Structures are given as C-alpha cells and as structure tokens.
C-alpha cells in the first residue's frame, strides 16, 4: 500500500450477524445495502466504503398490491446498469437510456 492509500475494510460474517435491522453488509466486500419505508414508498440505498452510491425510491411498494397486478408488473421490471465512479457523461447516457 502506497502513502496516502487507505486499507479497504471488508465486511465479515460477524459484521453481517451484528448488522442493524434492515441493513445488509455484503460479506467479502465493502458494500452495504439498507432499506426503509417512507410512507408507502420503499427507499433502498447502496453504500460503498460508507459512501452512498445509489438510492432508489420504489413508489407505492409498501402498499398491498394484488397478485395479478404484481405479476403483470414483474414482466416489465427494469434492469439499470450503473458504473460506480462513472463520469458525468456516463450518467447523461444512463438518463437518456431511461428517457430522462
């Protein structure tokens, strides 16, 4: 490790076992996922090395949804690919891809 670099702290099985409610440290990585309800919305956050790198608000996901409506939506569940550390150009490409 060169001067100015910090050692990466990876989560262990013990970290996962002792995690706060609704927090999931991914063992062998420096990534943690956590989620909570905000009204009827579910907010999911991804932290890397303690820094928020992705936040997703799933509107109305906390509400009860009929099985057939949920199954119909599932066929359209979007996959978004984010590159951590991407440039502003990469974010612009992503926004264009999702129609923003």
PDB file of N, CA and C in Angstrom:
ATOM      1  N   UNK A   1       0.864  -1.172   0.000  1.00  0.00           N
ATOM      2  CA  UNK A   1       0.000   0.000   0.000  1.00  0.00           C
ATOM      3  C   UNK A   1       0.907   1.230   0.000  1.00  0.00           C
ATOM      4  N   UNK A   2       0.656   2.153  -0.926  1.00  0.00           N
ATOM      5  CA  UNK A   2       1.481   3.350  -1.006  1.00  0.00           C
ATOM      6  C   UNK A   2       0.969   4.420  -0.054  1.00  0.00           C
ATOM      7  N   UNK A   3       1.789   5.425   0.162  1.00  0.00           N
ATOM      8  CA  UNK A   3       1.429   6.500   1.069  1.00  0.00           C
ATOM      9  C   UNK A   3       0.175   7.211   0.567  1.00  0.00           C
ATOM     10  N   UNK A   4      -0.742   7.494   1.460  1.00  0.00           N
ATOM     11  CA  UNK A   4      -1.981   8.168   1.105  1.00  0.00           C
ATOM     12  C   UNK A   4      -3.126   7.219   0.802  1.00  0.00           C
ATOM     13  N   UNK A   5      -2.846   5.922   0.620  1.00  0.00           N
ATOM     14  CA  UNK A   5      -3.906   4.950   0.375  1.00  0.00           C
ATOM     15  C   UNK A   5      -4.371   4.373   1.700  1.00  0.00           C
ATOM     16  N   UNK A   6      -5.674   4.140   1.789  1.00  0.00           N
ATOM     17  CA  UNK A   6      -6.224   3.534   2.986  1.00  0.00           C
ATOM     18  C   UNK A   6      -6.517   2.067   2.716  1.00  0.00           C
ATOM     19  N   UNK A   7      -6.397   1.247   3.751  1.00  0.00           N
ATOM     20  CA  UNK A   7      -6.744  -0.168   3.615  1.00  0.00           C
ATOM     21  C   UNK A   7      -8.261  -0.289   3.471  1.00  0.00           C
ATOM     22  N   UNK A   8      -8.700  -1.152   2.570  1.00  0.00           N
ATOM     23  CA  UNK A   8     -10.123  -1.376   2.375  1.00  0.00           C
ATOM     24  C   UNK A   8     -10.601  -2.338   3.455  1.00  0.00           C
ATOM     25  N   UNK A   9     -11.662  -1.950   4.133  1.00  0.00           N
ATOM     26  CA  UNK A   9     -12.236  -2.780   5.186  1.00  0.00           C
ATOM     27  C   UNK A   9     -13.392  -3.573   4.596  1.00  0.00           C
ATOM     28  N   UNK A  10     -13.268  -4.891   4.582  1.00  0.00           N
ATOM     29  CA  UNK A  10     -14.301  -5.750   4.030  1.00  0.00           C
ATOM     30  C   UNK A  10     -15.193  -6.282   5.144  1.00  0.00           C
ATOM     31  N   UNK A  11     -16.480  -6.410   4.829  1.00  0.00           N
ATOM     32  CA  UNK A  11     -17.427  -6.943   5.810  1.00  0.00           C
ATOM     33  C   UNK A  11     -17.199  -8.433   6.008  1.00  0.00           C
ATOM     34  N   UNK A  12     -17.396  -8.877   7.258  1.00  0.00           N
ATOM     35  CA  UNK A  12     -17.227 -10.281   7.631  1.00  0.00           C
ATOM     36  C   UNK A  12     -18.579 -10.886   7.996  1.00  0.00           C
ATOM     37  N   UNK A  13     -18.578 -12.184   8.217  1.00  0.00           N
ATOM     38  CA  UNK A  13     -19.793 -12.861   8.694  1.00  0.00           C
ATOM     39  C   UNK A  13     -20.258 -12.259  10.022  1.00  0.00           C
ATOM     40  N   UNK A  14     -19.311 -11.880  10.866  1.00  0.00           N
ATOM     41  CA  UNK A  14     -19.645 -11.266  12.150  1.00  0.00           C
ATOM     42  C   UNK A  14     -20.335  -9.911  11.941  1.00  0.00           C
ATOM     43  N   UNK A  15     -19.830  -9.119  10.993  1.00  0.00           N
ATOM     44  CA  UNK A  15     -20.468  -7.835  10.672  1.00  0.00           C
ATOM     45  C   UNK A  15     -21.914  -8.055  10.232  1.00  0.00           C
ATOM     46  N   UNK A  16     -22.126  -9.054   9.373  1.00  0.00           N
ATOM     47  CA  UNK A  16     -23.475  -9.335   8.898  1.00  0.00           C
ATOM     48  C   UNK A  16     -24.372  -9.775  10.058  1.00  0.00           C
ATOM     49  N   UNK A  17     -23.858 -10.623  10.935  1.00  0.00           N
ATOM     50  CA  UNK A  17     -24.645 -11.112  12.067  1.00  0.00           C
ATOM     51  C   UNK A  17     -25.011  -9.985  13.034  1.00  0.00           C
ATOM     52  N   UNK A  18     -24.152  -8.966  13.141  1.00  0.00           N
ATOM     53  CA  UNK A  18     -24.371  -7.872  14.087  1.00  0.00           C
ATOM     54  C   UNK A  18     -24.937  -6.612  13.433  1.00  0.00           C
ATOM     55  N   UNK A  19     -25.354  -6.715  12.184  1.00  0.00           N
ATOM     56  CA  UNK A  19     -25.844  -5.540  11.450  1.00  0.00           C
ATOM     57  C   UNK A  19     -27.146  -5.022  12.038  1.00  0.00           C
ATOM     58  N   UNK A  20     -27.375  -3.730  11.874  1.00  0.00           N
ATOM     59  CA  UNK A  20     -28.630  -3.113  12.284  1.00  0.00           C
ATOM     60  C   UNK A  20     -29.786  -3.695  11.477  1.00  0.00           C
ATOM     61  N   UNK A  21     -30.983  -3.594  12.023  1.00  0.00           N
ATOM     62  CA  UNK A  21     -32.179  -4.037  11.328  1.00  0.00           C
ATOM     63  C   UNK A  21     -32.275  -3.340   9.974  1.00  0.00           C
ATOM     64  N   UNK A  22     -32.617  -4.068   8.929  1.00  0.00           N
ATOM     65  CA  UNK A  22     -32.774  -3.562   7.559  1.00  0.00           C
ATOM     66  C   UNK A  22     -31.455  -3.166   6.890  1.00  0.00           C
ATOM     67  N   UNK A  23     -30.333  -3.589   7.454  1.00  0.00           N
ATOM     68  CA  UNK A  23     -29.018  -3.338   6.864  1.00  0.00           C
ATOM     69  C   UNK A  23     -28.403  -4.683   6.483  1.00  0.00           C
ATOM     70  N   UNK A  24     -27.811  -4.745   5.304  1.00  0.00           N
ATOM     71  CA  UNK A  24     -27.192  -5.981   4.837  1.00  0.00           C
ATOM     72  C   UNK A  24     -25.789  -5.700   4.320  1.00  0.00           C
ATOM     73  N   UNK A  25     -24.775  -5.894   5.173  1.00  0.00           N
ATOM     74  CA  UNK A  25     -23.404  -5.799   4.680  1.00  0.00           C
ATOM     75  C   UNK A  25     -23.104  -7.052   3.848  1.00  0.00           C
ATOM     76  N   UNK A  26     -22.538  -6.866   2.663  1.00  0.00           N
ATOM     77  CA  UNK A  26     -22.223  -7.991   1.791  1.00  0.00           C
ATOM     78  C   UNK A  26     -20.839  -8.521   2.154  1.00  0.00           C
ATOM     79  N   UNK A  27     -20.825  -9.720   2.726  1.00  0.00           N
ATOM     80  CA  UNK A  27     -19.591 -10.321   3.235  1.00  0.00           C
ATOM     81  C   UNK A  27     -18.556 -10.434   2.113  1.00  0.00           C
ATOM     82  N   UNK A  28     -17.323 -10.046   2.441  1.00  0.00           N
ATOM     83  CA  UNK A  28     -16.226 -10.102   1.487  1.00  0.00           C
ATOM     84  C   UNK A  28     -16.129  -8.868   0.614  1.00  0.00           C
ATOM     85  N   UNK A  29     -16.978  -7.883   0.882  1.00  0.00           N
ATOM     86  CA  UNK A  29     -16.955  -6.635   0.115  1.00  0.00           C
ATOM     87  C   UNK A  29     -17.020  -5.454   1.076  1.00  0.00           C
ATOM     88  N   UNK A  30     -16.945  -4.244   0.527  1.00  0.00           N
ATOM     89  CA  UNK A  30     -17.128  -3.032   1.333  1.00  0.00           C
ATOM     90  C   UNK A  30     -18.474  -2.389   0.994  1.00  0.00           C
ATOM     91  N   UNK A  31     -19.441  -3.225   0.557  1.00  0.00           N
ATOM     92  CA  UNK A  31     -20.757  -2.760   0.123  1.00  0.00           C
ATOM     93  C   UNK A  31     -21.819  -3.164   1.150  1.00  0.00           C
ATOM     94  N   UNK A  32     -22.706  -2.209   1.443  1.00  0.00           N
ATOM     95  CA  UNK A  32     -23.831  -2.461   2.344  1.00  0.00           C
ATOM     96  C   UNK A  32     -25.106  -1.978   1.659  1.00  0.00           C
ATOM     97  N   UNK A  33     -26.164  -2.749   1.798  1.00  0.00           N
ATOM     98  CA  UNK A  33     -27.476  -2.378   1.280  1.00  0.00           C
ATOM     99  C   UNK A  33     -28.390  -2.168   2.478  1.00  0.00           C
ATOM    100  N   UNK A  34     -29.197  -1.112   2.447  1.00  0.00           N
ATOM    101  CA  UNK A  34     -30.186  -0.927   3.505  1.00  0.00           C
ATOM    102  C   UNK A  34     -31.455  -0.359   2.898  1.00  0.00           C
ATOM    103  N   UNK A  35     -32.546  -0.546   3.606  1.00  0.00           N
ATOM    104  CA  UNK A  35     -33.846  -0.114   3.090  1.00  0.00           C
ATOM    105  C   UNK A  35     -34.747   0.301   4.240  1.00  0.00           C
ATOM    106  N   UNK A  36     -35.714   1.164   3.910  1.00  0.00           N
ATOM    107  CA  UNK A  36     -36.720   1.543   4.890  1.00  0.00           C
ATOM    108  C   UNK A  36     -37.969   2.019   4.158  1.00  0.00           C
ATOM    109  N   UNK A  37     -39.060   2.102   4.895  1.00  0.00           N
ATOM    110  CA  UNK A  37     -40.309   2.647   4.373  1.00  0.00           C
ATOM    111  C   UNK A  37     -40.353   4.135   4.633  1.00  0.00           C
ATOM    112  N   UNK A  38     -40.822   4.888   3.650  1.00  0.00           N
ATOM    113  CA  UNK A  38     -41.121   6.309   3.818  1.00  0.00           C
ATOM    114  C   UNK A  38     -42.536   6.481   3.286  1.00  0.00           C
ATOM    115  N   UNK A  39     -43.492   6.445   4.204  1.00  0.00           N
ATOM    116  CA  UNK A  39     -44.890   6.428   3.800  1.00  0.00           C
ATOM    117  C   UNK A  39     -45.174   5.113   3.105  1.00  0.00           C
ATOM    118  N   UNK A  40     -45.724   5.167   1.882  1.00  0.00           N
ATOM    119  CA  UNK A  40     -45.987   3.962   1.090  1.00  0.00           C
ATOM    120  C   UNK A  40     -44.810   3.588   0.197  1.00  0.00           C
ATOM    121  N   UNK A  41     -43.752   4.374   0.228  1.00  0.00           N
ATOM    122  CA  UNK A  41     -42.598   4.130  -0.637  1.00  0.00           C
ATOM    123  C   UNK A  41     -41.535   3.329   0.108  1.00  0.00           C
ATOM    124  N   UNK A  42     -40.792   2.527  -0.648  1.00  0.00           N
ATOM    125  CA  UNK A  42     -39.634   1.822  -0.117  1.00  0.00           C
ATOM    126  C   UNK A  42     -38.397   2.516  -0.682  1.00  0.00           C
ATOM    127  N   UNK A  43     -37.470   2.865   0.202  1.00  0.00           N
ATOM    128  CA  UNK A  43     -36.225   3.500  -0.223  1.00  0.00           C
ATOM    129  C   UNK A  43     -35.093   2.496   0.028  1.00  0.00           C
ATOM    130  N   UNK A  44     -34.350   2.189  -1.041  1.00  0.00           N
ATOM    131  CA  UNK A  44     -33.223   1.261  -0.978  1.00  0.00           C
ATOM    132  C   UNK A  44     -31.956   2.060  -1.238  1.00  0.00           C
ATOM    133  N   UNK A  45     -30.959   1.862  -0.386  1.00  0.00           N
ATOM    134  CA  UNK A  45     -29.683   2.572  -0.527  1.00  0.00           C
ATOM    135  C   UNK A  45     -28.550   1.560  -0.631  1.00  0.00           C
ATOM    136  N   UNK A  46     -27.560   1.911  -1.437  1.00  0.00           N
ATOM    137  CA  UNK A  46     -26.345   1.112  -1.537  1.00  0.00           C
ATOM    138  C   UNK A  46     -25.189   2.009  -1.143  1.00  0.00           C
ATOM    139  N   UNK A  47     -24.426   1.564  -0.158  1.00  0.00           N
ATOM    140  CA  UNK A  47     -23.248   2.293   0.307  1.00  0.00           C
ATOM    141  C   UNK A  47     -22.006   1.488  -0.049  1.00  0.00           C
ATOM    142  N   UNK A  48     -20.986   2.159  -0.539  1.00  0.00           N
ATOM    143  CA  UNK A  48     -19.691   1.531  -0.809  1.00  0.00           C
ATOM    144  C   UNK A  48     -18.654   2.252   0.031  1.00  0.00           C
ATOM    145  N   UNK A  49     -17.978   1.495   0.867  1.00  0.00           N
ATOM    146  CA  UNK A  49     -16.980   2.065   1.782  1.00  0.00           C
ATOM    147  C   UNK A  49     -17.584   3.206   2.594  1.00  0.00           C
ATOM    148  N   UNK A  50     -18.867   3.045   2.969  1.00  0.00           N
ATOM    149  CA  UNK A  50     -19.544   4.032   3.799  1.00  0.00           C
ATOM    150  C   UNK A  50     -20.072   5.237   3.049  1.00  0.00           C
ATOM    151  N   UNK A  51     -19.952   5.247   1.723  1.00  0.00           N
ATOM    152  CA  UNK A  51     -20.400   6.381   0.908  1.00  0.00           C
ATOM    153  C   UNK A  51     -21.615   5.958   0.091  1.00  0.00           C
ATOM    154  N   UNK A  52     -22.686   6.750   0.157  1.00  0.00           N
ATOM    155  CA  UNK A  52     -23.891   6.457  -0.614  1.00  0.00           C
ATOM    156  C   UNK A  52     -23.570   6.545  -2.100  1.00  0.00           C
ATOM    157  N   UNK A  53     -23.800   5.440  -2.848  1.00  0.00           N
ATOM    158  CA  UNK A  53     -23.533   5.437  -4.288  1.00  0.00           C
ATOM    159  C   UNK A  53     -24.798   5.216  -5.116  1.00  0.00           C
ATOM    160  N   UNK A  54     -25.886   4.816  -4.468  1.00  0.00           N
ATOM    161  CA  UNK A  54     -27.133   4.604  -5.203  1.00  0.00           C
ATOM    162  C   UNK A  54     -28.303   4.671  -4.228  1.00  0.00           C
ATOM    163  N   UNK A  55     -29.343   5.391  -4.626  1.00  0.00           N
ATOM    164  CA  UNK A  55     -30.570   5.463  -3.824  1.00  0.00           C
ATOM    165  C   UNK A  55     -31.732   5.275  -4.792  1.00  0.00           C
ATOM    166  N   UNK A  56     -32.625   4.376  -4.452  1.00  0.00           N
ATOM    167  CA  UNK A  56     -33.776   4.078  -5.301  1.00  0.00           C
ATOM    168  C   UNK A  56     -35.037   4.208  -4.455  1.00  0.00           C
ATOM    169  N   UNK A  57     -36.003   4.963  -4.969  1.00  0.00           N
ATOM    170  CA  UNK A  57     -37.305   5.076  -4.305  1.00  0.00           C
ATOM    171  C   UNK A  57     -38.303   4.277  -5.138  1.00  0.00           C
ATOM    172  N   UNK A  58     -38.875   3.244  -4.533  1.00  0.00           N
ATOM    173  CA  UNK A  58     -39.891   2.427  -5.184  1.00  0.00           C
ATOM    174  C   UNK A  58     -41.250   2.930  -4.713  1.00  0.00           C
ATOM    175  N   UNK A  59     -41.857   3.771  -5.537  1.00  0.00           N
ATOM    176  CA  UNK A  59     -43.111   4.420  -5.155  1.00  0.00           C
ATOM    177  C   UNK A  59     -44.208   3.387  -4.972  1.00  0.00           C
ATOM    178  N   UNK A  60     -44.915   3.514  -3.870  1.00  0.00           N
ATOM    179  CA  UNK A  60     -46.070   2.690  -3.504  1.00  0.00           C
ATOM    180  C   UNK A  60     -45.719   1.220  -3.261  1.00  0.00           C
ATOM    181  N   UNK A  61     -44.447   0.864  -3.168  1.00  0.00           N
ATOM    182  CA  UNK A  61     -44.061  -0.528  -2.954  1.00  0.00           C
ATOM    183  C   UNK A  61     -44.469  -1.040  -1.572  1.00  0.00           C
ATOM    184  N   UNK A  62     -44.713  -0.134  -0.634  1.00  0.00           N
ATOM    185  CA  UNK A  62     -45.133  -0.542   0.699  1.00  0.00           C
ATOM    186  C   UNK A  62     -46.620  -0.845   0.802  1.00  0.00           C
ATOM    187  N   UNK A  63     -47.364  -0.532  -0.243  1.00  0.00           N
ATOM    188  CA  UNK A  63     -48.806  -0.807  -0.261  1.00  0.00           C
ATOM    189  C   UNK A  63     -49.066  -2.264  -0.626  1.00  0.00           C
ATOM    190  N   UNK A  64     -50.242  -2.730  -0.271  1.00  0.00           N
ATOM    191  CA  UNK A  64     -50.660  -4.055  -0.717  1.00  0.00           C
ATOM    192  C   UNK A  64     -50.990  -3.969  -2.208  1.00  0.00           C
ATOM    193  N   UNK A  65     -50.507  -4.922  -2.974  1.00  0.00           N
ATOM    194  CA  UNK A  65     -50.745  -4.966  -4.420  1.00  0.00           C
ATOM    195  C   UNK A  65     -51.303  -6.340  -4.753  1.00  0.00           C
ATOM    196  N   UNK A  66     -52.382  -6.377  -5.536  1.00  0.00           N
ATOM    197  CA  UNK A  66     -52.996  -7.647  -5.922  1.00  0.00           C
ATOM    198  C   UNK A  66     -51.979  -8.511  -6.664  1.00  0.00           C
ATOM    199  N   UNK A  67     -52.038  -9.814  -6.449  1.00  0.00           N
ATOM    200  CA  UNK A  67     -51.096 -10.755  -7.053  1.00  0.00           C
ATOM    201  C   UNK A  67     -50.996 -10.644  -8.551  1.00  0.00           C
ATOM    202  N   UNK A  68     -52.152 -10.507  -9.236  1.00  0.00           N
ATOM    203  CA  UNK A  68     -52.108 -10.434 -10.703  1.00  0.00           C
ATOM    204  C   UNK A  68     -51.472  -9.138 -11.181  1.00  0.00           C
ATOM    205  N   UNK A  69     -51.723  -8.035 -10.487  1.00  0.00           N
ATOM    206  CA  UNK A  69     -51.101  -6.757 -10.863  1.00  0.00           C
ATOM    207  C   UNK A  69     -49.594  -6.824 -10.633  1.00  0.00           C
ATOM    208  N   UNK A  70     -49.198  -7.442  -9.537  1.00  0.00           N
ATOM    209  CA  UNK A  70     -47.773  -7.571  -9.229  1.00  0.00           C
ATOM    210  C   UNK A  70     -47.087  -8.466 -10.254  1.00  0.00           C
ATOM    211  N   UNK A  71     -47.727  -9.559 -10.629  1.00  0.00           N
ATOM    212  CA  UNK A  71     -47.159 -10.465 -11.638  1.00  0.00           C
ATOM    213  C   UNK A  71     -47.042  -9.767 -12.986  1.00  0.00           C
ATOM    214  N   UNK A  72     -48.045  -8.976 -13.348  1.00  0.00           N
ATOM    215  CA  UNK A  72     -48.010  -8.255 -14.619  1.00  0.00           C
ATOM    216  C   UNK A  72     -46.866  -7.255 -14.632  1.00  0.00           C
ATOM    217  N   UNK A  73     -46.654  -6.567 -13.524  1.00  0.00           N
ATOM    218  CA  UNK A  73     -45.558  -5.598 -13.453  1.00  0.00           C
ATOM    219  C   UNK A  73     -44.207  -6.297 -13.514  1.00  0.00           C
ATOM    220  N   UNK A  74     -44.110  -7.466 -12.909  1.00  0.00           N
ATOM    221  CA  UNK A  74     -42.845  -8.184 -12.826  1.00  0.00           C
ATOM    222  C   UNK A  74     -42.236  -8.442 -14.198  1.00  0.00           C
ATOM    223  N   UNK A  75     -43.070  -8.647 -15.204  1.00  0.00           N
ATOM    224  CA  UNK A  75     -42.535  -8.908 -16.543  1.00  0.00           C
ATOM    225  C   UNK A  75     -41.851  -7.679 -17.135  1.00  0.00           C
ATOM    226  N   UNK A  76     -42.129  -6.499 -16.571  1.00  0.00           N
ATOM    227  CA  UNK A  76     -41.521  -5.262 -17.057  1.00  0.00           C
ATOM    228  C   UNK A  76     -40.468  -4.713 -16.103  1.00  0.00           C
ATOM    229  N   UNK A  77     -40.126  -5.476 -15.059  1.00  0.00           N
ATOM    230  CA  UNK A  77     -39.165  -4.989 -14.066  1.00  0.00           C
ATOM    231  C   UNK A  77     -37.882  -4.546 -14.756  1.00  0.00           C
ATOM    232  N   UNK A  78     -37.515  -3.266 -14.612  1.00  0.00           N
ATOM    233  CA  UNK A  78     -36.354  -2.753 -15.343  1.00  0.00           C
ATOM    234  C   UNK A  78     -35.029  -3.145 -14.697  1.00  0.00           C
ATOM    235  N   UNK A  79     -34.039  -3.335 -15.530  1.00  0.00           N
ATOM    236  CA  UNK A  79     -32.662  -3.528 -15.083  1.00  0.00           C
ATOM    237  C   UNK A  79     -31.898  -2.263 -15.451  1.00  0.00           C
ATOM    238  N   UNK A  80     -31.305  -1.621 -14.466  1.00  0.00           N
ATOM    239  CA  UNK A  80     -30.493  -0.441 -14.709  1.00  0.00           C
ATOM    240  C   UNK A  80     -29.047  -0.790 -14.370  1.00  0.00           C
ATOM    241  N   UNK A  81     -28.138  -0.468 -15.243  1.00  0.00           N
ATOM    242  CA  UNK A  81     -26.719  -0.723 -15.005  1.00  0.00           C
ATOM    243  C   UNK A  81     -26.025   0.592 -14.678  1.00  0.00           C
ATOM    244  N   UNK A  82     -25.443   0.660 -13.495  1.00  0.00           N
ATOM    245  CA  UNK A  82     -24.694   1.835 -13.053  1.00  0.00           C
ATOM    246  C   UNK A  82     -23.244   1.422 -12.887  1.00  0.00           C
ATOM    247  N   UNK A  83     -22.343   2.251 -13.343  1.00  0.00           N
ATOM    248  CA  UNK A  83     -20.923   2.022 -13.099  1.00  0.00           C
ATOM    249  C   UNK A  83     -20.494   2.960 -11.990  1.00  0.00           C
ATOM    250  N   UNK A  84     -20.064   2.388 -10.877  1.00  0.00           N
ATOM    251  CA  UNK A  84     -19.633   3.206  -9.743  1.00  0.00           C
ATOM    252  C   UNK A  84     -18.369   3.961 -10.158  1.00  0.00           C
ATOM    253  N   UNK A  85     -18.402   5.266  -9.951  1.00  0.00           N
ATOM    254  CA  UNK A  85     -17.276   6.113 -10.327  1.00  0.00           C
ATOM    255  C   UNK A  85     -17.372   6.603 -11.759  1.00  0.00           C
ATOM    256  N   UNK A  86     -18.540   6.407 -12.388  1.00  0.00           N
ATOM    257  CA  UNK A  86     -18.726   6.843 -13.766  1.00  0.00           C
ATOM    258  C   UNK A  86     -18.626   8.360 -13.851  1.00  0.00           C
ATOM    259  N   UNK A  87     -18.366   8.835 -15.044  1.00  0.00           N
ATOM    260  CA  UNK A  87     -18.247  10.271 -15.293  1.00  0.00           C
ATOM    261  C   UNK A  87     -19.629  10.884 -15.493  1.00  0.00           C
ATOM    262  N   UNK A  88     -19.682  12.184 -15.567  1.00  0.00           N
ATOM    263  CA  UNK A  88     -20.936  12.881 -15.844  1.00  0.00           C
ATOM    264  C   UNK A  88     -21.495  12.443 -17.194  1.00  0.00           C
ATOM    265  N   UNK A  89     -20.606  12.160 -18.164  1.00  0.00           N
ATOM    266  CA  UNK A  89     -21.061  11.685 -19.476  1.00  0.00           C
ATOM    267  C   UNK A  89     -21.784  10.349 -19.342  1.00  0.00           C
ATOM    268  N   UNK A  90     -21.258   9.473 -18.508  1.00  0.00           N
ATOM    269  CA  UNK A  90     -21.896   8.170 -18.295  1.00  0.00           C
ATOM    270  C   UNK A  90     -23.267   8.316 -17.667  1.00  0.00           C
ATOM    271  N   UNK A  91     -23.398   9.228 -16.725  1.00  0.00           N
ATOM    272  CA  UNK A  91     -24.691   9.469 -16.085  1.00  0.00           C
ATOM    273  C   UNK A  91     -25.675  10.061 -17.108  1.00  0.00           C
ATOM    274  N   UNK A  92     -25.179  10.931 -17.962  1.00  0.00           N
ATOM    275  CA  UNK A  92     -26.036  11.500 -19.013  1.00  0.00           C
ATOM    276  C   UNK A  92     -26.528  10.404 -19.949  1.00  0.00           C
ATOM    277  N   UNK A  93     -25.648   9.466 -20.335  1.00  0.00           N
ATOM    278  CA  UNK A  93     -26.058   8.334 -21.173  1.00  0.00           C
ATOM    279  C   UNK A  93     -27.138   7.514 -20.489  1.00  0.00           C
ATOM    280  N   UNK A  94     -26.968   7.258 -19.180  1.00  0.00           N
ATOM    281  CA  UNK A  94     -27.952   6.479 -18.430  1.00  0.00           C
ATOM    282  C   UNK A  94     -29.297   7.208 -18.424  1.00  0.00           C
ATOM    283  N   UNK A  95     -29.289   8.504 -18.151  1.00  0.00           N
ATOM    284  CA  UNK A  95     -30.538   9.284 -18.116  1.00  0.00           C
ATOM    285  C   UNK A  95     -31.239   9.229 -19.469  1.00  0.00           C
ATOM    286  N   UNK A  96     -30.472   9.331 -20.542  1.00  0.00           N
ATOM    287  CA  UNK A  96     -31.047   9.238 -21.885  1.00  0.00           C
ATOM    288  C   UNK A  96     -31.670   7.879 -22.119  1.00  0.00           C
ATOM    289  N   UNK A  97     -30.993   6.818 -21.639  1.00  0.00           N
ATOM    290  CA  UNK A  97     -31.481   5.453 -21.830  1.00  0.00           C
ATOM    291  C   UNK A  97     -32.810   5.203 -21.130  1.00  0.00           C
ATOM    292  N   UNK A  98     -33.046   5.888 -20.002  1.00  0.00           N
ATOM    293  CA  UNK A  98     -34.303   5.697 -19.275  1.00  0.00           C
ATOM    294  C   UNK A  98     -35.318   6.774 -19.607  1.00  0.00           C
ATOM    295  N   UNK A  99     -34.994   7.612 -20.611  1.00  0.00           N
ATOM    296  CA  UNK A  99     -35.968   8.589 -21.088  1.00  0.00           C
ATOM    297  C   UNK A  99     -36.051   9.866 -20.306  1.00  0.00           C
ATOM    298  N   UNK A 100     -34.983  10.212 -19.582  1.00  0.00           N
ATOM    299  CA  UNK A 100     -34.992  11.481 -18.827  1.00  0.00           C
ATOM    300  C   UNK A 100     -34.301  12.578 -19.603  1.00  0.00           C
TER     301      UNK A 100
END
